[in-house]
Protein backbone atom coordinates (compact mmCIF):
# COMPACT_ATOMS: atom_id res chain seq x y z
CA UNK A 1 102.51 106.52 23.90
CA UNK A 2 100.03 108.99 25.36
CA UNK A 3 98.59 108.77 28.85
CA UNK A 4 95.17 107.68 27.55
CA UNK A 5 96.66 104.79 25.63
CA UNK A 6 98.42 103.15 28.55
CA UNK A 7 95.49 101.15 29.82
CA UNK A 8 94.84 99.51 26.45
CA UNK A 9 98.43 99.11 25.29
CA UNK A 10 99.06 95.65 26.71
CA UNK A 11 95.80 94.30 25.34
CA UNK A 12 96.66 95.68 21.88
CA UNK A 13 99.77 93.55 21.65
CA UNK A 14 102.34 96.02 23.03
CA UNK A 15 104.73 94.13 25.29
CA UNK A 16 104.55 94.61 29.04
CA UNK A 17 108.24 95.52 29.01
CA UNK A 18 107.60 98.36 26.56
CA UNK A 19 104.68 99.68 28.57
CA UNK A 20 106.66 99.62 31.82
CA UNK A 21 109.58 101.37 30.15
CA UNK A 22 107.29 104.11 28.86
CA UNK A 23 105.60 104.58 32.24
CA UNK A 24 108.96 104.69 34.01
CA UNK A 25 110.31 107.35 31.66
CA UNK A 26 107.20 109.50 32.13
CA UNK A 27 107.38 109.18 35.92
CA UNK A 28 111.04 110.25 35.86
CA UNK A 29 110.12 113.32 33.79
CA UNK A 30 107.50 114.37 36.34
CA UNK A 31 109.96 113.95 39.22
CA UNK A 32 112.62 115.90 37.32
CA UNK A 33 110.20 118.77 36.69
CA UNK A 34 109.03 118.71 40.31
CA UNK A 35 112.65 119.01 41.46
CA UNK A 36 113.18 121.97 39.10
CA UNK A 37 110.01 123.53 40.50
CA UNK A 38 111.27 123.06 44.04
CA UNK A 39 114.55 124.79 43.14
CA UNK A 40 112.55 127.68 41.69
CA UNK A 41 110.45 127.94 44.86
CA UNK A 42 113.58 127.96 46.98
CA UNK A 43 115.05 130.71 44.82
CA UNK A 44 112.02 132.98 45.30
CA UNK A 45 111.74 131.99 48.98
CA UNK A 46 108.31 130.40 48.63
CA UNK A 47 109.19 126.74 49.17
CA UNK A 48 107.52 126.51 52.57
CA UNK A 49 104.24 127.99 51.27
CA UNK A 50 103.50 125.53 48.44
CA UNK A 51 102.51 121.99 49.38
CA UNK A 52 103.97 119.42 47.00
CA UNK A 53 105.17 116.67 49.32
CA UNK A 54 102.15 114.39 49.04
CA UNK A 55 102.07 114.55 45.25
CA UNK A 56 105.84 114.09 44.93
CA UNK A 57 105.73 111.10 47.28
CA UNK A 58 102.93 109.55 45.23
CA UNK A 59 104.94 109.83 42.02
CA UNK A 60 108.02 108.44 43.77
CA UNK A 61 106.01 105.48 45.09
CA UNK A 62 104.58 104.84 41.63
CA UNK A 63 108.08 104.85 40.14
CA UNK A 64 109.24 102.35 42.75
CA UNK A 65 106.26 100.13 41.99
CA UNK A 66 107.08 100.21 38.28
CA UNK A 67 110.64 99.20 39.08
CA UNK A 68 109.41 96.21 41.07
CA UNK A 69 107.12 95.18 38.22
CA UNK A 70 110.02 95.35 35.76
CA UNK A 71 111.95 92.90 37.94
CA UNK A 72 109.19 90.26 37.64
CA UNK A 73 108.16 90.80 34.05
CA UNK A 74 107.08 87.19 33.49
CA UNK A 75 104.51 87.00 36.28
CA UNK A 76 100.86 87.03 35.25
CA UNK A 77 99.95 89.88 37.62
CA UNK A 78 102.51 92.21 36.04
CA UNK A 79 100.40 92.83 32.95
CA UNK A 80 97.34 93.75 35.02
CA UNK A 81 99.34 96.01 37.36
CA UNK A 82 100.94 97.81 34.43
CA UNK A 83 97.49 98.45 32.92
CA UNK A 84 96.28 99.73 36.30
CA UNK A 85 99.13 102.19 36.84
CA UNK A 86 98.09 105.44 38.48
CA UNK A 87 100.68 107.43 36.53
CA UNK A 88 98.24 108.75 33.85
CA UNK A 89 96.23 110.34 36.66
CA UNK A 90 99.35 111.97 38.11
CA UNK A 91 100.34 113.23 34.66
CA UNK A 92 96.94 114.85 34.21
CA UNK A 93 97.23 116.59 37.59
CA UNK A 94 100.75 117.84 36.83
CA UNK A 95 99.85 119.04 33.33
CA UNK A 96 96.93 120.99 34.76
CA UNK A 97 99.20 122.47 37.43
CA UNK A 98 101.61 123.70 34.73
CA UNK A 99 98.73 125.51 33.03
CA UNK A 100 97.51 127.06 36.30
CA UNK A 101 98.16 130.28 38.17
CA UNK A 102 98.84 130.92 41.85
CA UNK A 103 99.25 127.31 42.90
CA UNK A 104 98.70 126.52 46.58
CA UNK A 105 98.92 122.72 46.82
CA UNK A 106 98.77 119.43 44.95
CA UNK A 107 96.92 116.40 46.31
CA UNK A 108 95.88 118.10 49.54
CA UNK A 109 93.49 116.61 52.08
CA UNK A 110 91.22 119.23 53.67
CA UNK A 111 89.24 118.76 56.88
CA UNK A 112 86.00 120.68 57.07
CA UNK A 113 83.84 119.41 59.90
CA UNK A 114 84.96 121.59 62.79
CA UNK A 115 84.71 125.16 64.08
CA UNK A 116 86.68 127.49 61.74
CA UNK A 117 86.10 128.42 58.16
CA UNK A 118 89.32 129.31 56.40
CA UNK A 119 91.14 127.25 53.82
CA UNK A 120 94.47 127.81 55.57
CA UNK A 121 93.05 126.31 58.76
CA UNK A 122 91.68 123.35 56.83
CA UNK A 123 95.09 122.70 55.31
CA UNK A 124 96.59 122.66 58.80
CA UNK A 125 93.76 120.41 60.08
CA UNK A 126 92.62 122.87 62.73
CA UNK A 127 89.16 124.15 63.39
CA UNK A 128 86.86 124.56 60.47
CA UNK A 129 83.28 125.59 60.28
CA UNK A 130 80.77 123.77 58.31
CA UNK A 131 77.30 122.77 58.31
CA UNK A 132 76.27 119.84 60.44
CA UNK A 133 76.71 116.47 58.73
CA UNK A 134 73.56 114.98 57.26
CA UNK A 135 74.40 111.47 58.43
CA UNK A 136 75.62 110.05 61.68
CA UNK A 137 79.27 109.28 62.09
CA UNK A 138 80.53 112.01 59.75
CA UNK A 139 83.11 113.41 62.13
CA UNK A 140 86.24 115.11 60.87
CA UNK A 141 84.89 115.02 57.30
CA UNK A 142 87.61 115.46 54.72
CA UNK A 143 88.12 115.72 50.99
CA UNK A 144 91.21 115.43 48.82
CA UNK A 145 91.72 118.17 46.24
CA UNK A 146 94.08 117.29 43.40
CA UNK A 147 95.14 120.89 42.70
CA UNK A 148 94.37 124.06 44.65
CA UNK A 149 95.07 127.07 42.42
CA UNK A 150 94.07 130.72 41.93
CA UNK A 151 95.36 131.45 45.45
CA UNK A 152 92.89 128.94 46.89
CA UNK A 153 89.79 129.97 44.96
CA UNK A 154 89.91 127.11 42.43
CA UNK A 155 89.76 123.46 43.50
CA UNK A 156 90.48 120.91 40.80
CA UNK A 157 89.48 117.25 40.95
CA UNK A 158 90.74 114.92 38.22
CA UNK A 159 88.94 111.67 37.42
CA UNK A 160 89.99 109.24 34.67
CA UNK A 161 86.66 107.45 34.93
CA UNK A 162 85.31 106.13 31.61
CA UNK A 163 81.83 105.71 30.13
CA UNK A 164 82.08 101.99 30.83
CA UNK A 165 82.91 102.56 34.48
CA UNK A 166 80.04 105.00 34.96
CA UNK A 167 77.60 102.58 33.37
CA UNK A 168 78.89 99.86 35.68
CA UNK A 169 78.30 102.14 38.69
CA UNK A 170 74.73 102.68 37.51
CA UNK A 171 74.22 98.95 37.13
CA UNK A 172 75.38 98.39 40.70
CA UNK A 173 72.49 100.61 41.78
CA UNK A 174 70.05 98.35 39.99
CA UNK A 175 69.42 100.63 37.01
CA UNK A 176 68.69 98.54 33.88
CA UNK A 177 68.55 101.21 31.20
CA UNK A 178 65.11 100.15 29.93
CA UNK A 179 63.61 103.63 29.83
CA UNK A 180 65.16 106.94 28.90
CA UNK A 181 62.29 108.72 30.64
CA UNK A 182 62.94 106.74 33.79
CA UNK A 183 66.55 107.92 33.87
CA UNK A 184 65.84 111.50 32.85
CA UNK A 185 64.81 112.30 36.42
CA UNK A 186 67.89 110.57 37.87
CA UNK A 187 69.27 112.38 40.88
CA UNK A 188 66.46 114.94 41.10
CA UNK A 189 64.87 113.70 44.31
CA UNK A 190 66.76 110.65 45.57
CA UNK A 191 69.55 112.34 47.49
CA UNK A 192 70.79 109.17 49.14
CA UNK A 193 70.62 106.95 46.05
CA UNK A 194 72.49 109.15 43.61
CA UNK A 195 75.50 109.50 45.89
CA UNK A 196 76.14 105.77 45.53
CA UNK A 197 77.87 106.71 42.27
CA UNK A 198 81.45 107.50 43.42
CA UNK A 199 81.98 110.37 40.96
CA UNK A 200 78.84 112.19 42.05
CA UNK A 201 79.46 111.47 45.72
CA UNK A 202 82.97 112.91 45.51
CA UNK A 203 81.70 115.99 43.67
CA UNK A 204 79.04 116.69 46.28
CA UNK A 205 81.54 116.32 49.13
CA UNK A 206 83.93 118.73 47.43
CA UNK A 207 81.18 121.29 46.88
CA UNK A 208 80.07 120.98 50.50
CA UNK A 209 83.64 121.50 51.71
CA UNK A 210 84.02 124.52 49.41
CA UNK A 211 80.91 126.03 50.96
CA UNK A 212 82.48 125.64 54.39
CA UNK A 213 86.04 126.79 53.70
CA UNK A 214 86.33 130.40 52.61
CA UNK A 215 89.27 132.10 50.92
CA UNK A 216 89.39 135.86 51.46
CA UNK A 217 85.76 135.43 52.60
CA UNK A 218 84.75 133.88 49.25
CA UNK A 219 83.72 130.33 48.39
CA UNK A 220 86.17 128.37 46.21
CA UNK A 221 84.90 126.99 42.91
CA UNK A 222 85.14 123.22 42.33
CA UNK A 223 86.33 122.15 38.86
CA UNK A 224 85.87 118.51 37.80
CA UNK A 225 88.13 117.31 34.96
CA UNK A 226 86.92 114.22 33.07
CA UNK A 227 89.41 113.71 30.20
CA UNK A 228 88.01 110.25 29.30
CA UNK A 229 84.35 111.28 29.18
CA UNK A 230 82.76 112.79 26.07
CA UNK A 231 79.35 114.41 26.27
CA UNK A 232 76.65 113.26 23.87
CA UNK A 233 77.63 109.60 23.67
CA UNK A 234 75.06 108.34 26.15
CA UNK A 235 72.13 109.96 27.93
CA UNK A 236 72.95 108.12 31.15
CA UNK A 237 76.49 109.47 31.40
CA UNK A 238 75.31 112.94 30.34
CA UNK A 239 72.81 112.86 33.21
CA UNK A 240 75.53 112.02 35.73
CA UNK A 241 77.66 114.89 34.45
CA UNK A 242 74.67 117.22 34.69
CA UNK A 243 74.07 116.10 38.29
CA UNK A 244 77.68 117.01 39.09
CA UNK A 245 77.06 120.47 37.67
CA UNK A 246 73.86 120.84 39.69
CA UNK A 247 75.89 120.02 42.79
CA UNK A 248 77.92 123.16 42.12
CA UNK A 249 80.94 121.99 40.12
CA UNK A 250 82.23 123.24 36.79
CA UNK A 251 82.70 120.06 34.73
CA UNK A 252 85.18 119.87 31.84
CA UNK A 253 84.92 116.76 29.64
CA UNK A 254 87.47 115.53 27.12
CA UNK A 255 91.20 115.98 26.87
CA UNK A 256 92.60 119.45 27.56
CA UNK A 257 94.43 120.55 24.42
CA UNK A 258 95.29 124.07 25.58
CA UNK A 259 98.87 125.29 25.39
CA UNK A 260 101.33 124.24 28.10
CA UNK A 261 103.90 127.01 28.73
CA UNK A 262 107.63 126.35 28.72
CA UNK A 263 108.73 125.05 32.10
CA UNK A 264 110.23 128.26 33.51
CA UNK A 265 107.30 130.34 32.23
CA UNK A 266 104.92 127.82 33.80
CA UNK A 267 106.71 128.12 37.13
CA UNK A 268 106.34 131.91 37.15
CA UNK A 269 102.62 131.56 36.45
CA UNK A 270 102.19 128.82 39.05
CA UNK A 271 103.93 130.76 41.82
CA UNK A 272 104.84 134.35 40.93
CA UNK A 273 107.70 136.01 42.80
CA UNK A 274 106.67 138.36 45.57
CA UNK A 275 104.07 140.75 44.23
CA UNK A 276 105.37 144.25 43.51
CA UNK A 277 104.41 147.15 45.71
CA UNK A 278 101.87 149.13 43.73
CA UNK A 279 101.51 152.29 45.84
CA UNK A 280 103.81 155.30 45.58
CA UNK A 281 104.13 155.37 49.37
CA UNK A 282 105.59 152.48 51.37
CA UNK A 283 104.38 152.32 54.96
CA UNK A 284 107.10 150.58 56.98
CA UNK A 285 106.57 148.85 60.31
CA UNK A 286 109.05 148.31 63.12
CA UNK A 287 110.25 144.93 61.85
CA UNK A 288 111.36 146.42 58.53
CA UNK A 289 112.90 149.48 60.17
CA UNK A 290 115.07 147.15 62.25
CA UNK A 291 115.98 145.05 59.21
CA UNK A 292 117.13 148.21 57.40
CA UNK A 293 119.69 149.03 60.11
CA UNK A 294 120.70 145.58 61.39
CA UNK A 295 124.32 144.47 61.14
CA UNK A 296 122.97 141.16 59.86
CA UNK A 297 121.56 142.98 56.82
CA UNK A 298 124.56 145.17 56.05
CA UNK A 299 127.61 143.09 56.89
CA UNK A 300 129.04 139.59 57.07
CA UNK A 301 128.46 138.74 60.72
CA UNK A 302 130.35 135.85 62.27
CA UNK A 303 128.62 133.53 64.70
CA UNK A 304 129.56 134.41 68.26
CA UNK A 305 129.49 131.92 71.15
CA UNK A 306 127.04 134.12 73.03
CA UNK A 307 124.54 134.33 70.15
CA UNK A 308 121.06 133.00 70.81
CA UNK A 309 120.27 130.07 68.44
CA UNK A 310 117.86 132.32 66.54
CA UNK A 311 120.68 134.80 65.87
CA UNK A 312 122.96 132.02 64.68
CA UNK A 313 120.22 130.97 62.30
CA UNK A 314 119.95 134.54 60.97
CA UNK A 315 123.67 134.47 60.15
CA UNK A 316 123.07 131.36 58.03
CA UNK A 317 119.95 132.77 56.34
CA UNK A 318 121.59 136.08 55.46
CA UNK A 319 124.53 134.20 53.99
CA UNK A 320 122.11 132.53 51.58
CA UNK A 321 119.71 135.32 50.64
CA UNK A 322 121.20 138.81 51.27
CA UNK A 323 117.94 140.45 52.31
CA UNK A 324 118.63 144.05 51.30
CA UNK A 325 119.95 143.70 47.73
CA UNK A 326 117.76 140.73 46.84
CA UNK A 327 114.43 141.77 48.40
CA UNK A 328 114.05 145.02 50.30
CA UNK A 329 115.95 147.45 48.07
CA UNK A 330 114.12 146.29 44.89
CA UNK A 331 110.77 146.33 46.71
CA UNK A 332 111.21 149.82 48.14
CA UNK A 333 112.64 151.30 44.94
CA UNK A 334 112.35 155.09 44.93
CA UNK A 335 109.07 155.18 46.84
CA UNK A 336 108.45 157.63 49.62
CA UNK A 337 109.07 155.82 52.91
CA UNK A 338 106.88 156.57 55.91
CA UNK A 339 106.37 155.11 59.36
CA UNK A 340 104.04 156.02 62.19
CA UNK A 341 105.28 157.85 65.26
CA UNK A 342 104.56 154.79 67.39
CA UNK A 343 106.66 152.50 65.18
CA UNK A 344 109.54 154.97 65.18
CA UNK A 345 109.51 155.27 68.98
CA UNK A 346 109.53 151.50 69.49
CA UNK A 347 112.30 151.05 66.93
CA UNK A 348 114.47 153.67 68.64
CA UNK A 349 113.88 152.07 72.04
CA UNK A 350 115.06 148.72 70.74
CA UNK A 351 118.11 150.17 69.00
CA UNK A 352 119.07 152.32 71.99
CA UNK A 353 118.75 149.31 74.27
CA UNK A 354 120.26 146.54 72.19
CA UNK A 355 121.95 148.06 69.15
CA UNK A 356 125.63 147.95 68.32
CA UNK A 357 127.37 151.27 67.56
CA UNK A 358 126.96 150.71 63.80
CA UNK A 359 123.27 149.85 64.22
CA UNK A 360 122.80 153.04 66.22
CA UNK A 361 124.61 155.03 63.53
CA UNK A 362 122.49 153.57 60.74
CA UNK A 363 119.35 154.39 62.70
CA UNK A 364 120.37 158.04 62.90
CA UNK A 365 120.91 158.06 59.13
CA UNK A 366 117.70 156.20 58.27
CA UNK A 367 115.54 158.41 60.47
CA UNK A 368 117.29 161.64 59.46
CA UNK A 369 118.46 162.61 62.94
CA UNK A 370 121.22 164.77 61.44
CA UNK A 371 119.22 167.38 59.58
CA UNK A 372 122.29 168.73 57.80
CA UNK A 373 122.39 165.88 55.27
CA UNK A 374 120.14 165.72 52.21
CA UNK A 375 119.05 162.48 50.52
CA UNK A 376 122.27 161.93 48.52
CA UNK A 377 124.30 162.63 51.63
CA UNK A 378 122.31 160.15 53.69
CA UNK A 379 122.71 157.46 51.03
CA UNK A 380 126.45 158.11 50.98
CA UNK A 381 126.63 157.88 54.77
CA UNK A 382 124.67 154.63 54.74
CA UNK A 383 126.97 153.24 52.05
CA UNK A 384 129.95 153.77 54.32
CA UNK A 385 128.32 151.45 56.86
CA UNK A 386 127.22 148.73 54.44
CA UNK A 387 128.91 145.87 52.62
CA UNK A 388 126.32 146.09 49.82
CA UNK A 389 125.58 148.76 47.24
CA UNK A 390 122.99 151.19 48.57
CA UNK A 391 120.72 152.36 45.71
CA UNK A 392 121.20 156.01 44.91
CA UNK A 393 117.43 156.44 44.49
CA UNK A 394 116.63 155.10 47.96
CA UNK A 395 114.46 157.83 49.50
CA UNK A 396 115.74 158.31 52.99
CA UNK A 397 115.16 159.59 55.60
CA UNK A 398 111.95 157.82 56.53
CA UNK A 399 109.16 160.34 57.12
CA UNK A 400 107.47 159.97 60.51
CA UNK A 401 103.71 160.48 60.27
CA UNK A 402 100.72 160.74 62.56
CA UNK A 403 98.65 157.56 62.36
CA UNK A 404 95.48 159.63 61.90
CA UNK A 405 96.79 162.49 59.80
CA UNK A 406 94.03 164.48 58.15
CA UNK A 407 91.54 162.31 60.05
CA UNK A 408 92.26 159.53 57.54
CA UNK A 409 91.05 156.73 59.81
CA UNK A 410 87.51 158.06 59.73
CA UNK A 411 87.30 156.60 56.20
CA UNK A 412 88.16 153.08 57.30
CA UNK A 413 85.58 150.36 56.61
CA UNK A 414 83.89 148.83 59.64
CA UNK A 415 85.79 145.58 59.05
CA UNK A 416 89.10 147.43 59.43
CA UNK A 417 88.00 149.10 62.66
CA UNK A 418 87.02 145.72 64.07
CA UNK A 419 90.35 144.19 63.05
CA UNK A 420 92.23 147.10 64.61
CA UNK A 421 90.44 146.68 67.92
CA UNK A 422 92.24 143.36 68.38
CA UNK A 423 95.74 144.68 67.65
CA UNK A 424 98.43 146.02 69.93
CA UNK A 425 98.65 149.83 69.89
CA UNK A 426 101.81 149.84 67.76
CA UNK A 427 100.45 147.40 65.18
CA UNK A 428 97.16 149.26 65.14
CA UNK A 429 98.92 152.53 64.35
CA UNK A 430 100.94 150.96 61.52
CA UNK A 431 98.37 148.78 59.78
CA UNK A 432 95.36 151.07 60.09
CA UNK A 433 97.37 154.01 58.77
CA UNK A 434 98.32 152.10 55.62
CA UNK A 435 94.78 150.71 55.36
CA UNK A 436 93.24 154.17 55.60
CA UNK A 437 95.57 155.76 53.04
CA UNK A 438 95.41 152.82 50.64
CA UNK A 439 99.19 152.52 50.60
CA UNK A 440 101.11 149.27 50.96
CA UNK A 441 102.30 148.34 54.43
CA UNK A 442 105.59 146.44 54.42
CA UNK A 443 106.20 144.07 57.29
CA UNK A 444 107.80 140.79 58.29
CA UNK A 445 105.35 140.45 61.19
CA UNK A 446 103.61 137.29 60.03
CA UNK A 447 101.57 137.02 63.24
CA UNK A 448 100.03 140.48 62.75
CA UNK A 449 99.19 139.77 59.11
CA UNK A 450 97.57 136.49 60.12
CA UNK A 451 95.57 138.30 62.80
CA UNK A 452 94.16 140.68 60.17
CA UNK A 453 93.32 137.81 57.84
CA UNK A 454 91.55 135.89 60.59
CA UNK A 455 89.51 138.94 61.54
CA UNK A 456 88.39 139.54 57.94
CA UNK A 457 87.54 135.87 57.49
CA UNK A 458 84.70 136.31 59.96
CA UNK A 459 82.82 138.15 57.21
CA UNK A 460 81.21 136.76 54.07
CA UNK A 461 81.92 137.76 50.46
CA UNK A 462 83.84 140.96 51.13
CA UNK A 463 84.81 143.05 48.14
CA UNK A 464 88.53 143.04 47.37
CA UNK A 465 88.62 146.79 48.02
CA UNK A 466 88.03 146.15 51.73
CA UNK A 467 91.29 144.23 52.13
CA UNK A 468 94.45 146.18 53.03
CA UNK A 469 97.49 146.21 50.77
CA UNK A 470 100.15 144.21 52.62
CA UNK A 471 103.62 143.16 51.50
CA UNK A 472 104.85 140.40 53.77
CA UNK A 473 108.62 140.05 53.71
CA UNK A 474 109.31 136.30 53.89
CA UNK A 475 112.18 136.73 56.31
CA UNK A 476 112.99 138.98 59.26
CA UNK A 477 116.18 140.44 60.72
CA UNK A 478 116.99 141.11 64.35
CA UNK A 479 119.64 143.42 65.66
CA UNK A 480 122.96 141.75 66.32
CA UNK A 481 122.88 143.45 69.70
CA UNK A 482 125.50 143.37 72.37
CA UNK A 483 127.05 140.43 74.10
CA UNK A 484 124.80 139.25 76.90
CA UNK A 485 126.08 140.58 80.17
CA UNK A 486 127.19 137.90 82.54
CA UNK A 487 127.85 135.47 79.69
CA UNK A 488 130.87 133.27 80.21
CA UNK A 489 133.81 133.33 77.87
CA UNK A 490 135.49 130.07 76.91
CA UNK A 491 137.96 130.49 79.78
CA UNK A 492 135.06 130.84 82.24
CA UNK A 493 135.49 134.55 82.98
CA UNK A 494 132.41 136.80 83.08
CA UNK A 495 132.34 139.38 80.30
CA UNK A 496 130.53 142.09 82.27
CA UNK A 497 128.23 142.59 85.21
CA UNK A 498 124.56 141.77 84.78
CA UNK A 499 122.34 144.62 83.67
CA UNK A 500 120.41 146.48 86.36
CA UNK A 501 116.83 145.39 86.97
CA UNK A 502 114.87 147.91 84.82
CA UNK A 503 116.77 147.09 81.64
CA UNK A 504 116.96 143.35 82.30
CA UNK A 505 113.23 143.16 83.00
CA UNK A 506 112.40 144.96 79.77
CA UNK A 507 114.62 142.62 77.73
CA UNK A 508 113.12 139.55 79.39
CA UNK A 509 109.58 140.87 78.95
CA UNK A 510 109.97 141.44 75.22
CA UNK A 511 111.73 138.12 74.71
CA UNK A 512 108.90 136.40 76.58
CA UNK A 513 106.28 138.06 74.37
CA UNK A 514 108.09 136.80 71.28
CA UNK A 515 108.18 133.24 72.62
CA UNK A 516 104.50 133.30 73.60
CA UNK A 517 103.54 134.62 70.16
CA UNK A 518 105.52 131.86 68.46
CA UNK A 519 103.84 129.17 70.53
CA UNK A 520 100.33 130.60 70.14
CA UNK A 521 100.65 131.16 66.40
CA UNK A 522 99.47 134.75 66.71
CA UNK A 523 100.69 137.94 68.32
CA UNK A 524 100.14 137.88 72.06
CA UNK A 525 98.69 141.10 73.45
CA UNK A 526 101.28 143.33 75.07
CA UNK A 527 99.73 144.41 78.37
CA UNK A 528 102.51 146.95 78.82
CA UNK A 529 102.66 148.29 75.24
CA UNK A 530 104.81 151.25 76.15
CA UNK A 531 107.29 149.01 77.97
CA UNK A 532 109.16 150.29 80.95
CA UNK A 533 109.78 153.99 80.90
CA UNK A 534 112.42 154.59 78.25
CA UNK A 535 114.21 157.24 80.32
CA UNK A 536 114.54 154.84 83.24
CA UNK A 537 115.88 152.10 81.00
CA UNK A 538 118.47 154.31 79.32
CA UNK A 539 119.48 155.81 82.66
CA UNK A 540 119.96 152.32 84.07
CA UNK A 541 122.06 151.42 81.06
CA UNK A 542 124.27 154.48 81.51
CA UNK A 543 124.58 153.85 85.23
CA UNK A 544 125.68 150.28 84.60
CA UNK A 545 128.33 151.41 82.14
CA UNK A 546 129.50 154.16 84.50
CA UNK A 547 129.80 151.77 87.46
CA UNK A 548 131.72 149.28 85.35
CA UNK A 549 134.19 151.98 84.26
CA UNK A 550 134.67 153.11 87.88
CA UNK A 551 135.46 149.55 88.93
CA UNK A 552 138.01 149.24 86.13
CA UNK A 553 139.74 152.47 87.26
CA UNK A 554 139.82 151.34 90.89
CA UNK A 555 141.36 148.00 89.97
């Protein structure tokens, strides 16, 4: 039994029990495929970026309802409820999703009557920018999009409305169908009257929302799927469809008979794995530099009692995903690796302050501090400090570059200069360098990437060439670091004296910036971007160690 036959099956003599059994089996297939899709998303580390919960819950609820109907098969209402099942609609949405590319969400409500204008903000129900509502009382206007695809640029609305239903909607408006000429002008001037037809009203609301919510500065395109409507059967219905098109939607009538890929192929189309790095040069920021030397990335680290909860979580994450062999090594390949001077300085400060001996050693290898070793020698040295295979083609050391070498930043578009003016000095050096050279910047700094996106969203219809090439690593790695001084062991003894003020203040300051950025949802400006003087911090660290050793000798 096909989805279009369900509504008529009972009336054609098919038993209610048969219809319910068919609907139940189809619902279970959808849920099974959704679960397989979720496993795929988890495998490619994209589960948190694709919104399926609302759609999955709807299918689950429908399946539960069908089960309840099956338990009271003899009641008169069961036949009507089986005919009215919403499962054919859900099937149509899911089939379209399996034919789509770059899926963002299924059955997503978007709010568009506020102060922002990005789709991502609408999906989070924060400020959105639209035009003022035409009628009173339209506060927090919202629409539900059945499938958001093409990375947000295609909004799909499915309607299983029939010719009969549309004619009934016209009749409710008082239209009698006595004159073709009378109807030929339907919807041309009467803006309030024509929106009494639910299909047209929904289409206009979707098109208005699409005008308000931009994706990469462009307006999404609304697609209206009407599998139970055939053009040419009645002038009245054709006129309604034409009004939907005039509102700005692309309308597709009739059943979609295009090929549906095999499930795994469909998943790859729906949500591709992380896009490959296309440039020959990989511009690395501080977050990736740290990930490339962290003990978390190179070894099996055990949870220590003194670990911050975030570090304990990193132990668990690394146990599941193995960042270097599964993501970073394949992404970097044999590309030339560069980083700006500012990123290198900050990375060394962090490693010198917090790094373990092995993290310090890996930093010297990665940055080529020992000039005697060539690339094969550096790879061999790194392999000795890693539990994973280090690719022989990995092009280390990282080359440190000037952020404005050859006056490259003079070629930046005005939009990039504006975005850079809002960044911290280190982020500005990293992202504008990659932007100017047209090479891919690799980062796990989600806040900085979001800041760039938000800045560009203030413009309208930017060409794709204006946007920087960014590769956002879905997970980050901290340094394991040293045991916090003054932390208590299980027997209550202190492990070491507290760090002297300069070093402790710098640690607390950076930790505070991280917390503030997490709470604000964007990177908080560092008012002391150079930190405390590095020489003072290192000197304080050495003095602390020296004093501790003297005390041990005296005791």
